Amino acid sequence: MSVHGAALKRLANLPRLPLKISPTPVDDLSRLGAALGSSRTLLAKRDDAIPFGFGGNKIRKLQIVAAQALAEGADTLITCGGLQSNHARATAAVAARLGLGCVLVANAVRPEKPTANALLDRLLGAEVRYVGSREARAPGMEAAAAELRATGRRPFVIPLGASTPLGAAAYALAIAELLAQGPAPEWIVVSTSSGGTQAGLIAGCRLHGLPTRVLGISADDPAAALAGEVRRILAGLEELIGAGGGTLADAAIEIDDSFVGGGYGVPTPQSTEAIELCARREALFLDPTYTSKAMAGLIARVRARDLGTGTILFWHTGGQVGLFA
């Protein structure tokens, strides 16, 4: 067996929760393409359609990450995010399904009347602790874990976005799912923020020997900083599945940070256009923070005709609950 074959086998054998989340549909976006004046084949991989916990890429990651938590005997999941964090909501949903406690550390002011993901966090029974800045989230998680351990509990801390090598493994696996649904696209365009989803997609393409290029559209951080995170995760995933020196860590990383606009969660004219175009042409709902900016990047490149001539696949990472914030 080749090095890649052995790594793919180890990847496939990683423990997963028995949540029925895949395969998610691949939809044709020809009406969107027509609106852009393009005859290119545009597709969407619909992880927003994952039926559990309002879906999204974090559910796919947590299927593997939370399995590790159970294997270690955890009784509480701890993670962090913003007030409307999709990852926090997904973690709370998984914890509820598994009968585990859940502590969420949010950099926000406690809302008088929670909406969207914050409302779902409360409905799912999560304890939400509020801190004053993004930098205070990691110490807040460690403090919560220490408090729980002191009372005999067994917390499991999940970093922001579940963007760990184990979380990225879920998206390396998802490439096999995509290939079972049709030919490999020339491009995959995806929102990128904490880096794990993009790292997993890059790894999956590399392990399957695909020429597919994975373009991440940043939702917040500069491209150079994000590329460093993606490469760190790739290196960890390479070690996790024994992919061989440099097989994943040396992969090309392509990130476009020109659609961030005023910052994380701040709409831009391009992201607003993307939301409206996708809704009116395809009944496809994007969120204001991640997928709308990723789709704005795809739209701009299709209009500029700079993504080659083959199929472009938009990997929809969910988050549409954010429309109700």
C-alpha atoms as a PDB file:
ATOM      1  CA  MET A   1       0.000   0.000   0.000  1.00  0.00           C
ATOM      2  CA  SER A   2       1.279   3.502  -0.860  1.00  0.00           C
ATOM      3  CA  VAL A   3       1.987   6.116   1.810  1.00  0.00           C
ATOM      4  CA  HIS A   4      -1.109   8.021   0.693  1.00  0.00           C
ATOM      5  CA  GLY A   5      -3.202   4.856   0.684  1.00  0.00           C
ATOM      6  CA  ALA A   6      -2.143   3.991   4.222  1.00  0.00           C
ATOM      7  CA  ALA A   7      -2.837   7.547   5.372  1.00  0.00           C
ATOM      8  CA  LEU A   8      -6.306   7.484   3.797  1.00  0.00           C
ATOM      9  CA  LYS A   9      -7.028   4.199   5.581  1.00  0.00           C
ATOM     10  CA  ARG A  10      -5.969   5.667   8.936  1.00  0.00           C
ATOM     11  CA  LEU A  11      -8.096   8.727   8.180  1.00  0.00           C
ATOM     12  CA  ALA A  12     -11.146   6.589   7.424  1.00  0.00           C
ATOM     13  CA  ASN A  13     -10.637   4.607  10.654  1.00  0.00           C
ATOM     14  CA  LEU A  14     -10.740   7.643  12.951  1.00  0.00           C
ATOM     15  CA  PRO A  15     -13.592   7.238  15.476  1.00  0.00           C
ATOM     16  CA  ARG A  16     -16.718   9.276  14.680  1.00  0.00           C
ATOM     17  CA  LEU A  17     -19.981   9.973  16.452  1.00  0.00           C
ATOM     18  CA  PRO A  18     -22.959   8.100  14.942  1.00  0.00           C
ATOM     19  CA  LEU A  19     -24.590  11.293  13.685  1.00  0.00           C
ATOM     20  CA  LYS A  20     -26.259  10.995  10.266  1.00  0.00           C
ATOM     21  CA  ILE A  21     -24.796  14.098   8.667  1.00  0.00           C
ATOM     22  CA  SER A  22     -23.579  13.036   5.233  1.00  0.00           C
ATOM     23  CA  PRO A  23     -23.439  12.877   2.319  1.00  0.00           C
ATOM     24  CA  THR A  24     -24.602  16.462   1.879  1.00  0.00           C
ATOM     25  CA  PRO A  25     -26.035  17.444  -1.523  1.00  0.00           C
ATOM     26  CA  VAL A  26     -24.086  18.946  -4.406  1.00  0.00           C
ATOM     27  CA  ASP A  27     -26.340  21.496  -6.115  1.00  0.00           C
ATOM     28  CA  ASP A  28     -26.079  23.064  -9.550  1.00  0.00           C
ATOM     29  CA  LEU A  29     -25.857  26.884  -9.501  1.00  0.00           C
ATOM     30  CA  SER A  30     -26.507  27.491 -13.189  1.00  0.00           C
ATOM     31  CA  ARG A  31     -28.990  30.309 -12.558  1.00  0.00           C
ATOM     32  CA  LEU A  32     -26.374  32.132 -10.508  1.00  0.00           C
ATOM     33  CA  GLY A  33     -23.860  31.534 -13.286  1.00  0.00           C
ATOM     34  CA  ALA A  34     -26.265  32.998 -15.832  1.00  0.00           C
ATOM     35  CA  ALA A  35     -26.720  36.079 -13.654  1.00  0.00           C
ATOM     36  CA  LEU A  36     -22.945  36.496 -13.713  1.00  0.00           C
ATOM     37  CA  GLY A  37     -22.813  36.123 -17.485  1.00  0.00           C
ATOM     38  CA  SER A  38     -20.917  32.841 -17.216  1.00  0.00           C
ATOM     39  CA  SER A  39     -21.492  29.423 -18.767  1.00  0.00           C
ATOM     40  CA  ARG A  40     -19.048  27.812 -16.320  1.00  0.00           C
ATOM     41  CA  THR A  41     -20.245  24.878 -14.259  1.00  0.00           C
ATOM     42  CA  LEU A  42     -20.874  26.256 -10.769  1.00  0.00           C
ATOM     43  CA  LEU A  43     -21.735  23.853  -7.963  1.00  0.00           C
ATOM     44  CA  ALA A  44     -22.364  24.097  -4.221  1.00  0.00           C
ATOM     45  CA  LYS A  45     -21.517  21.423  -1.653  1.00  0.00           C
ATOM     46  CA  ARG A  46     -24.282  21.979   0.869  1.00  0.00           C
ATOM     47  CA  ASP A  47     -22.908  21.500   4.384  1.00  0.00           C
ATOM     48  CA  ASP A  48     -25.531  24.046   5.391  1.00  0.00           C
ATOM     49  CA  ALA A  49     -27.979  21.181   4.740  1.00  0.00           C
ATOM     50  CA  ILE A  50     -26.519  18.904   7.434  1.00  0.00           C
ATOM     51  CA  PRO A  51     -29.705  17.999   9.330  1.00  0.00           C
ATOM     52  CA  PHE A  52     -28.268  17.927  12.852  1.00  0.00           C
ATOM     53  CA  GLY A  53     -27.965  21.056  15.011  1.00  0.00           C
ATOM     54  CA  PHE A  54     -28.723  23.531  12.174  1.00  0.00           C
ATOM     55  CA  GLY A  55     -25.786  22.117  10.225  1.00  0.00           C
ATOM     56  CA  GLY A  56     -22.577  23.719   9.039  1.00  0.00           C
ATOM     57  CA  ASN A  57     -18.932  22.778   8.885  1.00  0.00           C
ATOM     58  CA  LYS A  58     -18.503  22.695  12.655  1.00  0.00           C
ATOM     59  CA  ILE A  59     -20.935  19.767  12.960  1.00  0.00           C
ATOM     60  CA  ARG A  60     -18.789  17.783  10.539  1.00  0.00           C
ATOM     61  CA  LYS A  61     -15.639  18.580  12.568  1.00  0.00           C
ATOM     62  CA  LEU A  62     -17.269  17.811  15.891  1.00  0.00           C
ATOM     63  CA  GLN A  63     -18.334  14.373  14.697  1.00  0.00           C
ATOM     64  CA  ILE A  64     -14.669  13.417  15.083  1.00  0.00           C
ATOM     65  CA  VAL A  65     -13.491  15.842  17.786  1.00  0.00           C
ATOM     66  CA  ALA A  66     -16.311  14.994  20.198  1.00  0.00           C
ATOM     67  CA  ALA A  67     -15.689  11.283  19.619  1.00  0.00           C
ATOM     68  CA  GLN A  68     -12.218  11.868  21.058  1.00  0.00           C
ATOM     69  CA  ALA A  69     -13.781  13.685  24.016  1.00  0.00           C
ATOM     70  CA  LEU A  70     -15.959  10.658  24.748  1.00  0.00           C
ATOM     71  CA  ALA A  71     -12.988   8.310  24.387  1.00  0.00           C
ATOM     72  CA  GLU A  72     -11.169  10.353  27.044  1.00  0.00           C
ATOM     73  CA  GLY A  73     -14.130  10.130  29.424  1.00  0.00           C
ATOM     74  CA  ALA A  74     -15.180  13.770  29.188  1.00  0.00           C
ATOM     75  CA  ASP A  75     -18.418  14.878  30.828  1.00  0.00           C
ATOM     76  CA  THR A  76     -18.319  18.514  29.661  1.00  0.00           C
ATOM     77  CA  LEU A  77     -17.366  20.247  26.415  1.00  0.00           C
ATOM     78  CA  ILE A  78     -15.817  23.708  26.634  1.00  0.00           C
ATOM     79  CA  THR A  79     -15.265  26.010  23.672  1.00  0.00           C
ATOM     80  CA  CYS A  80     -15.333  29.663  22.661  1.00  0.00           C
ATOM     81  CA  GLY A  81     -16.450  32.137  20.026  1.00  0.00           C
ATOM     82  CA  GLY A  82     -18.329  35.354  19.474  1.00  0.00           C
ATOM     83  CA  LEU A  83     -21.883  35.997  20.606  1.00  0.00           C
ATOM     84  CA  GLN A  84     -23.256  34.510  17.364  1.00  0.00           C
ATOM     85  CA  SER A  85     -20.656  31.762  17.002  1.00  0.00           C
ATOM     86  CA  ASN A  86     -21.762  28.887  14.775  1.00  0.00           C
ATOM     87  CA  HIS A  87     -19.115  26.702  16.390  1.00  0.00           C
ATOM     88  CA  ALA A  88     -20.421  27.423  19.887  1.00  0.00           C
ATOM     89  CA  ARG A  89     -23.964  26.519  18.815  1.00  0.00           C
ATOM     90  CA  ALA A  90     -22.749  23.328  17.139  1.00  0.00           C
ATOM     91  CA  THR A  91     -20.780  22.339  20.259  1.00  0.00           C
ATOM     92  CA  ALA A  92     -23.817  22.959  22.453  1.00  0.00           C
ATOM     93  CA  ALA A  93     -25.927  20.804  20.113  1.00  0.00           C
ATOM     94  CA  VAL A  94     -23.446  17.922  20.187  1.00  0.00           C
ATOM     95  CA  ALA A  95     -23.158  18.157  23.979  1.00  0.00           C
ATOM     96  CA  ALA A  96     -26.944  18.046  24.335  1.00  0.00           C
ATOM     97  CA  ARG A  97     -27.209  14.991  22.073  1.00  0.00           C
ATOM     98  CA  LEU A  98     -24.476  13.196  24.043  1.00  0.00           C
ATOM     99  CA  GLY A  99     -25.799  14.152  27.475  1.00  0.00           C
ATOM    100  CA  LEU A 100     -22.685  16.198  28.296  1.00  0.00           C
ATOM    101  CA  GLY A 101     -22.362  19.542  29.991  1.00  0.00           C
ATOM    102  CA  CYS A 102     -21.341  22.521  27.861  1.00  0.00           C
ATOM    103  CA  VAL A 103     -19.565  25.765  28.739  1.00  0.00           C
ATOM    104  CA  LEU A 104     -19.216  28.466  26.075  1.00  0.00           C
ATOM    105  CA  VAL A 105     -16.855  31.420  26.504  1.00  0.00           C
ATOM    106  CA  ALA A 106     -18.098  34.328  24.384  1.00  0.00           C
ATOM    107  CA  ASN A 107     -16.380  37.649  23.812  1.00  0.00           C
ATOM    108  CA  ALA A 108     -19.533  39.717  24.124  1.00  0.00           C
ATOM    109  CA  VAL A 109     -21.889  41.497  26.476  1.00  0.00           C
ATOM    110  CA  ARG A 110     -24.722  39.328  27.761  1.00  0.00           C
ATOM    111  CA  PRO A 111     -27.718  40.170  25.554  1.00  0.00           C
ATOM    112  CA  GLU A 112     -31.018  41.143  27.150  1.00  0.00           C
ATOM    113  CA  LYS A 113     -32.904  39.080  24.598  1.00  0.00           C
ATOM    114  CA  PRO A 114     -30.770  36.452  22.837  1.00  0.00           C
ATOM    115  CA  THR A 115     -31.399  35.811  19.144  1.00  0.00           C
ATOM    116  CA  ALA A 116     -30.182  33.399  16.469  1.00  0.00           C
ATOM    117  CA  ASN A 117     -27.217  31.270  17.664  1.00  0.00           C
ATOM    118  CA  ALA A 118     -27.229  32.887  21.107  1.00  0.00           C
ATOM    119  CA  LEU A 119     -30.861  31.851  21.524  1.00  0.00           C
ATOM    120  CA  LEU A 120     -30.060  28.305  20.400  1.00  0.00           C
ATOM    121  CA  ASP A 121     -27.147  28.130  22.874  1.00  0.00           C
ATOM    122  CA  ARG A 122     -29.606  28.885  25.678  1.00  0.00           C
ATOM    123  CA  LEU A 123     -32.222  26.440  24.400  1.00  0.00           C
ATOM    124  CA  LEU A 124     -29.562  23.709  24.227  1.00  0.00           C
ATOM    125  CA  GLY A 125     -28.742  24.239  27.897  1.00  0.00           C
ATOM    126  CA  ALA A 126     -25.207  25.599  27.518  1.00  0.00           C
ATOM    127  CA  GLU A 127     -23.644  27.741  30.221  1.00  0.00           C
ATOM    128  CA  VAL A 128     -22.358  30.915  28.557  1.00  0.00           C
ATOM    129  CA  ARG A 129     -19.574  32.932  30.183  1.00  0.00           C
ATOM    130  CA  TYR A 130     -18.864  36.391  28.786  1.00  0.00           C
ATOM    131  CA  VAL A 131     -15.422  37.950  28.431  1.00  0.00           C
ATOM    132  CA  GLY A 132     -14.333  41.352  27.178  1.00  0.00           C
ATOM    133  CA  SER A 133     -12.138  40.464  24.208  1.00  0.00           C
ATOM    134  CA  ARG A 134     -11.154  37.766  21.746  1.00  0.00           C
ATOM    135  CA  GLU A 135      -7.802  37.490  23.563  1.00  0.00           C
ATOM    136  CA  ALA A 136      -9.601  36.652  26.815  1.00  0.00           C
ATOM    137  CA  ARG A 137     -11.379  33.611  25.384  1.00  0.00           C
ATOM    138  CA  ALA A 138      -8.571  31.042  25.661  1.00  0.00           C
ATOM    139  CA  PRO A 139      -7.770  31.976  29.310  1.00  0.00           C
ATOM    140  CA  GLY A 140     -11.510  31.907  29.982  1.00  0.00           C
ATOM    141  CA  MET A 141     -11.747  28.343  28.695  1.00  0.00           C
ATOM    142  CA  GLU A 142      -8.785  27.227  30.793  1.00  0.00           C
ATOM    143  CA  ALA A 143     -10.273  28.885  33.879  1.00  0.00           C
ATOM    144  CA  ALA A 144     -13.591  27.112  33.306  1.00  0.00           C
ATOM    145  CA  ALA A 145     -11.793  23.789  32.841  1.00  0.00           C
ATOM    146  CA  ALA A 146      -9.794  24.289  36.046  1.00  0.00           C
ATOM    147  CA  GLU A 147     -12.957  25.076  38.014  1.00  0.00           C
ATOM    148  CA  LEU A 148     -14.674  21.951  36.734  1.00  0.00           C
ATOM    149  CA  ARG A 149     -11.667  19.725  37.430  1.00  0.00           C
ATOM    150  CA  ALA A 150     -11.543  21.051  41.000  1.00  0.00           C
ATOM    151  CA  THR A 151     -15.079  19.725  41.515  1.00  0.00           C
ATOM    152  CA  GLY A 152     -14.280  16.310  40.060  1.00  0.00           C
ATOM    153  CA  ARG A 153     -15.653  16.940  36.558  1.00  0.00           C
ATOM    154  CA  ARG A 154     -13.857  15.905  33.353  1.00  0.00           C
ATOM    155  CA  PRO A 155     -13.898  18.804  30.882  1.00  0.00           C
ATOM    156  CA  PHE A 156     -12.648  18.611  27.305  1.00  0.00           C
ATOM    157  CA  VAL A 157     -11.503  21.923  25.805  1.00  0.00           C
ATOM    158  CA  ILE A 158     -12.147  22.408  22.086  1.00  0.00           C
ATOM    159  CA  PRO A 159     -10.141  25.255  20.516  1.00  0.00           C
ATOM    160  CA  LEU A 160     -11.818  27.952  18.430  1.00  0.00           C
ATOM    161  CA  GLY A 161     -13.660  26.474  15.459  1.00  0.00           C
ATOM    162  CA  ALA A 162     -12.494  22.932  16.325  1.00  0.00           C
ATOM    163  CA  SER A 163      -9.608  23.879  14.047  1.00  0.00           C
ATOM    164  CA  THR A 164      -7.253  21.156  15.171  1.00  0.00           C
ATOM    165  CA  PRO A 165      -5.665  18.384  13.121  1.00  0.00           C
ATOM    166  CA  LEU A 166      -8.502  16.096  14.274  1.00  0.00           C
ATOM    167  CA  GLY A 167     -11.129  18.639  13.224  1.00  0.00           C
ATOM    168  CA  ALA A 168      -9.423  19.120   9.860  1.00  0.00           C
ATOM    169  CA  ALA A 169      -9.504  15.355   9.344  1.00  0.00           C
ATOM    170  CA  ALA A 170     -13.271  15.634   8.917  1.00  0.00           C
ATOM    171  CA  TYR A 171     -12.770  17.734   5.801  1.00  0.00           C
ATOM    172  CA  ALA A 172     -10.031  15.527   4.453  1.00  0.00           C
ATOM    173  CA  LEU A 173     -12.610  12.735   4.687  1.00  0.00           C
ATOM    174  CA  ALA A 174     -15.223  14.933   3.033  1.00  0.00           C
ATOM    175  CA  ILE A 175     -13.212  14.981  -0.196  1.00  0.00           C
ATOM    176  CA  ALA A 176     -13.877  11.247  -0.612  1.00  0.00           C
ATOM    177  CA  GLU A 177     -17.567  11.995  -0.110  1.00  0.00           C
ATOM    178  CA  LEU A 178     -17.402  14.652  -2.825  1.00  0.00           C
ATOM    179  CA  LEU A 179     -15.625  12.340  -5.268  1.00  0.00           C
ATOM    180  CA  ALA A 180     -18.385   9.757  -4.823  1.00  0.00           C
ATOM    181  CA  GLN A 181     -20.841  12.412  -6.043  1.00  0.00           C
ATOM    182  CA  GLY A 182     -19.063  13.353  -9.264  1.00  0.00           C
ATOM    183  CA  PRO A 183     -15.779  14.407 -10.891  1.00  0.00           C
ATOM    184  CA  ALA A 184     -13.318  16.541  -8.954  1.00  0.00           C
ATOM    185  CA  PRO A 185     -13.769  20.288  -9.572  1.00  0.00           C
ATOM    186  CA  GLU A 186     -10.967  22.501 -10.827  1.00  0.00           C
ATOM    187  CA  TRP A 187     -11.512  24.865  -7.885  1.00  0.00           C
ATOM    188  CA  ILE A 188     -13.047  24.659  -4.425  1.00  0.00           C
ATOM    189  CA  VAL A 189     -13.893  28.062  -2.943  1.00  0.00           C
ATOM    190  CA  VAL A 190     -14.560  28.156   0.800  1.00  0.00           C
ATOM    191  CA  SER A 191     -14.746  30.616   3.661  1.00  0.00           C
ATOM    192  CA  THR A 192     -11.698  30.470   5.935  1.00  0.00           C
ATOM    193  CA  SER A 193     -11.231  31.917   9.407  1.00  0.00           C
ATOM    194  CA  SER A 194      -9.675  29.566  11.976  1.00  0.00           C
ATOM    195  CA  GLY A 195      -8.155  27.469   9.176  1.00  0.00           C
ATOM    196  CA  GLY A 196      -9.308  23.933   9.912  1.00  0.00           C
ATOM    197  CA  THR A 197     -11.834  23.508   7.121  1.00  0.00           C
ATOM    198  CA  GLN A 198      -9.476  24.779   4.437  1.00  0.00           C
ATOM    199  CA  ALA A 199      -6.622  22.662   5.806  1.00  0.00           C
ATOM    200  CA  GLY A 200      -8.782  19.557   5.665  1.00  0.00           C
ATOM    201  CA  LEU A 201      -9.921  20.213   2.101  1.00  0.00           C
ATOM    202  CA  ILE A 202      -6.332  20.799   0.970  1.00  0.00           C
ATOM    203  CA  ALA A 203      -5.240  17.591   2.701  1.00  0.00           C
ATOM    204  CA  GLY A 204      -8.042  15.558   1.161  1.00  0.00           C
ATOM    205  CA  CYS A 205      -7.224  16.787  -2.328  1.00  0.00           C
ATOM    206  CA  ARG A 206      -3.534  16.067  -1.799  1.00  0.00           C
ATOM    207  CA  LEU A 207      -4.103  12.566  -0.431  1.00  0.00           C
ATOM    208  CA  HIS A 208      -6.371  11.702  -3.361  1.00  0.00           C
ATOM    209  CA  GLY A 209      -3.852  13.049  -5.872  1.00  0.00           C
ATOM    210  CA  LEU A 210      -6.257  15.686  -7.206  1.00  0.00           C
ATOM    211  CA  PRO A 211      -5.169  18.804  -9.118  1.00  0.00           C
ATOM    212  CA  THR A 212      -8.070  20.691  -7.481  1.00  0.00           C
ATOM    213  CA  ARG A 213      -7.066  24.043  -6.008  1.00  0.00           C
ATOM    214  CA  VAL A 214      -8.639  25.186  -2.745  1.00  0.00           C
ATOM    215  CA  LEU A 215      -9.158  28.938  -2.458  1.00  0.00           C
ATOM    216  CA  GLY A 216      -9.974  30.246   1.007  1.00  0.00           C
ATOM    217  CA  ILE A 217     -11.704  33.620   1.271  1.00  0.00           C
ATOM    218  CA  SER A 218     -10.838  35.175   4.622  1.00  0.00           C
ATOM    219  CA  ALA A 219     -13.648  36.276   6.903  1.00  0.00           C
ATOM    220  CA  ASP A 220     -11.357  38.269   9.154  1.00  0.00           C
ATOM    221  CA  ASP A 221      -7.572  37.806   9.400  1.00  0.00           C
ATOM    222  CA  PRO A 222      -4.813  38.740   6.924  1.00  0.00           C
ATOM    223  CA  ALA A 223      -3.883  36.072   4.396  1.00  0.00           C
ATOM    224  CA  ALA A 224      -0.364  35.583   5.751  1.00  0.00           C
ATOM    225  CA  ALA A 225      -1.575  34.926   9.297  1.00  0.00           C
ATOM    226  CA  LEU A 226      -4.264  32.530   8.101  1.00  0.00           C
ATOM    227  CA  ALA A 227      -1.845  30.681   5.855  1.00  0.00           C
ATOM    228  CA  GLY A 228       0.381  30.104   8.878  1.00  0.00           C
ATOM    229  CA  GLU A 229      -2.548  28.577  10.791  1.00  0.00           C
ATOM    230  CA  VAL A 230      -3.542  26.367   7.858  1.00  0.00           C
ATOM    231  CA  ARG A 231       0.035  25.131   7.506  1.00  0.00           C
ATOM    232  CA  ARG A 232       0.277  24.407  11.243  1.00  0.00           C
ATOM    233  CA  ILE A 233      -2.909  22.340  11.093  1.00  0.00           C
ATOM    234  CA  LEU A 234      -1.714  20.513   7.963  1.00  0.00           C
ATOM    235  CA  ALA A 235       1.512  19.577   9.719  1.00  0.00           C
ATOM    236  CA  GLY A 236      -0.431  18.214  12.680  1.00  0.00           C
ATOM    237  CA  LEU A 237      -2.790  16.265  10.429  1.00  0.00           C
ATOM    238  CA  GLU A 238       0.166  14.835   8.527  1.00  0.00           C
ATOM    239  CA  GLU A 239       1.540  13.491  11.799  1.00  0.00           C
ATOM    240  CA  LEU A 240      -1.874  12.273  12.978  1.00  0.00           C
ATOM    241  CA  ILE A 241      -2.443  10.027   9.956  1.00  0.00           C
ATOM    242  CA  GLY A 242       1.191   9.233   9.142  1.00  0.00           C
ATOM    243  CA  ALA A 243       1.055  10.856   5.715  1.00  0.00           C
ATOM    244  CA  GLY A 244       4.829  11.071   5.308  1.00  0.00           C
ATOM    245  CA  GLY A 245       7.240  13.978   5.679  1.00  0.00           C
ATOM    246  CA  GLY A 246       5.993  17.070   3.896  1.00  0.00           C
ATOM    247  CA  THR A 247       3.121  15.339   2.097  1.00  0.00           C
ATOM    248  CA  LEU A 248       0.586  17.763   3.551  1.00  0.00           C
ATOM    249  CA  ALA A 249       2.658  20.446   5.249  1.00  0.00           C
ATOM    250  CA  ASP A 250       4.266  21.457   1.940  1.00  0.00           C
ATOM    251  CA  ALA A 251       0.948  21.850   0.088  1.00  0.00           C
ATOM    252  CA  ALA A 252       0.124  25.137  -1.631  1.00  0.00           C
ATOM    253  CA  ILE A 253      -2.132  27.399   0.425  1.00  0.00           C
ATOM    254  CA  GLU A 254      -4.214  30.012  -1.411  1.00  0.00           C
ATOM    255  CA  ILE A 255      -6.044  32.673   0.603  1.00  0.00           C
ATOM    256  CA  ASP A 256      -7.699  35.912  -0.527  1.00  0.00           C
ATOM    257  CA  ASP A 257      -8.203  38.508   2.232  1.00  0.00           C
ATOM    258  CA  SER A 258      -9.537  41.285   0.005  1.00  0.00           C
ATOM    259  CA  PHE A 259     -13.202  40.697   0.896  1.00  0.00           C
ATOM    260  CA  VAL A 260     -12.942  41.226   4.668  1.00  0.00           C
ATOM    261  CA  GLY A 261     -14.056  44.849   4.392  1.00  0.00           C
ATOM    262  CA  GLY A 262     -14.572  46.536   7.759  1.00  0.00           C
ATOM    263  CA  GLY A 263     -13.799  43.368   9.694  1.00  0.00           C
ATOM    264  CA  TYR A 264     -15.296  40.205  11.107  1.00  0.00           C
ATOM    265  CA  GLY A 265     -19.063  40.138  10.709  1.00  0.00           C
ATOM    266  CA  VAL A 266     -19.207  43.579   9.087  1.00  0.00           C
ATOM    267  CA  PRO A 267     -21.206  43.413   5.829  1.00  0.00           C
ATOM    268  CA  THR A 268     -19.786  44.833   2.608  1.00  0.00           C
ATOM    269  CA  PRO A 269     -21.593  45.843  -0.599  1.00  0.00           C
ATOM    270  CA  GLN A 270     -20.147  42.719  -2.227  1.00  0.00           C
ATOM    271  CA  SER A 271     -21.287  40.371   0.567  1.00  0.00           C
ATOM    272  CA  THR A 272     -24.777  41.917   0.564  1.00  0.00           C
ATOM    273  CA  GLU A 273     -24.978  41.429  -3.201  1.00  0.00           C
ATOM    274  CA  ALA A 274     -23.865  37.801  -2.770  1.00  0.00           C
ATOM    275  CA  ILE A 275     -26.618  37.130  -0.202  1.00  0.00           C
ATOM    276  CA  GLU A 276     -29.284  38.639  -2.433  1.00  0.00           C
ATOM    277  CA  LEU A 277     -28.093  37.042  -5.675  1.00  0.00           C
ATOM    278  CA  CYS A 278     -27.905  33.542  -4.197  1.00  0.00           C
ATOM    279  CA  ALA A 279     -31.295  33.866  -2.518  1.00  0.00           C
ATOM    280  CA  ARG A 280     -33.066  35.242  -5.585  1.00  0.00           C
ATOM    281  CA  ARG A 281     -31.398  33.033  -8.191  1.00  0.00           C
ATOM    282  CA  GLU A 282     -30.950  29.753  -6.295  1.00  0.00           C
ATOM    283  CA  ALA A 283     -32.962  30.004  -3.031  1.00  0.00           C
ATOM    284  CA  LEU A 284     -29.568  29.467  -1.407  1.00  0.00           C
ATOM    285  CA  PHE A 285     -29.125  31.274   1.903  1.00  0.00           C
ATOM    286  CA  LEU A 286     -25.736  32.638   2.959  1.00  0.00           C
ATOM    287  CA  ASP A 287     -24.728  34.055   6.315  1.00  0.00           C
ATOM    288  CA  PRO A 288     -23.484  37.634   6.815  1.00  0.00           C
ATOM    289  CA  THR A 289     -20.142  36.697   8.399  1.00  0.00           C
ATOM    290  CA  TYR A 290     -18.568  33.827   6.454  1.00  0.00           C
ATOM    291  CA  THR A 291     -20.282  32.419   3.386  1.00  0.00           C
ATOM    292  CA  SER A 292     -21.450  35.745   1.970  1.00  0.00           C
ATOM    293  CA  LYS A 293     -17.874  37.024   1.826  1.00  0.00           C
ATOM    294  CA  ALA A 294     -16.636  33.739   0.381  1.00  0.00           C
ATOM    295  CA  MET A 295     -19.331  33.887  -2.292  1.00  0.00           C
ATOM    296  CA  ALA A 296     -18.456  37.530  -2.960  1.00  0.00           C
ATOM    297  CA  GLY A 297     -14.911  36.358  -3.709  1.00  0.00           C
ATOM    298  CA  LEU A 298     -16.203  33.641  -6.027  1.00  0.00           C
ATOM    299  CA  ILE A 299     -18.508  36.073  -7.843  1.00  0.00           C
ATOM    300  CA  ALA A 300     -15.716  38.596  -8.383  1.00  0.00           C
ATOM    301  CA  ARG A 301     -13.402  35.947  -9.815  1.00  0.00           C
ATOM    302  CA  VAL A 302     -16.053  34.473 -12.089  1.00  0.00           C
ATOM    303  CA  ARG A 303     -16.759  37.938 -13.446  1.00  0.00           C
ATOM    304  CA  ALA A 304     -13.036  38.516 -13.943  1.00  0.00           C
ATOM    305  CA  ARG A 305     -12.701  35.078 -15.602  1.00  0.00           C
ATOM    306  CA  ASP A 306      -9.604  34.225 -13.585  1.00  0.00           C
ATOM    307  CA  LEU A 307     -10.528  30.769 -12.204  1.00  0.00           C
ATOM    308  CA  GLY A 308      -9.621  28.719 -15.263  1.00  0.00           C
ATOM    309  CA  THR A 309     -12.242  27.002 -17.397  1.00  0.00           C
ATOM    310  CA  GLY A 310     -13.287  23.963 -15.359  1.00  0.00           C
ATOM    311  CA  THR A 311     -15.869  23.402 -12.639  1.00  0.00           C
ATOM    312  CA  ILE A 312     -15.952  25.707  -9.611  1.00  0.00           C
ATOM    313  CA  LEU A 313     -17.424  24.278  -6.412  1.00  0.00           C
ATOM    314  CA  PHE A 314     -18.514  26.550  -3.567  1.00  0.00           C
ATOM    315  CA  TRP A 315     -18.286  24.647  -0.278  1.00  0.00           C
ATOM    316  CA  HIS A 316     -21.157  26.066   1.787  1.00  0.00           C
ATOM    317  CA  THR A 317     -20.073  25.957   5.431  1.00  0.00           C
ATOM    318  CA  GLY A 318     -23.455  26.930   6.870  1.00  0.00           C
ATOM    319  CA  GLY A 319     -24.121  29.714   9.368  1.00  0.00           C
ATOM    320  CA  GLN A 320     -27.429  30.859   7.899  1.00  0.00           C
ATOM    321  CA  VAL A 321     -28.820  31.087  11.455  1.00  0.00           C
ATOM    322  CA  GLY A 322     -26.859  34.368  11.544  1.00  0.00           C
ATOM    323  CA  LEU A 323     -29.462  35.936   9.262  1.00  0.00           C
ATOM    324  CA  PHE A 324     -31.795  36.019  12.286  1.00  0.00           C
ATOM    325  CA  ALA A 325     -29.446  37.847  14.659  1.00  0.00           C
END
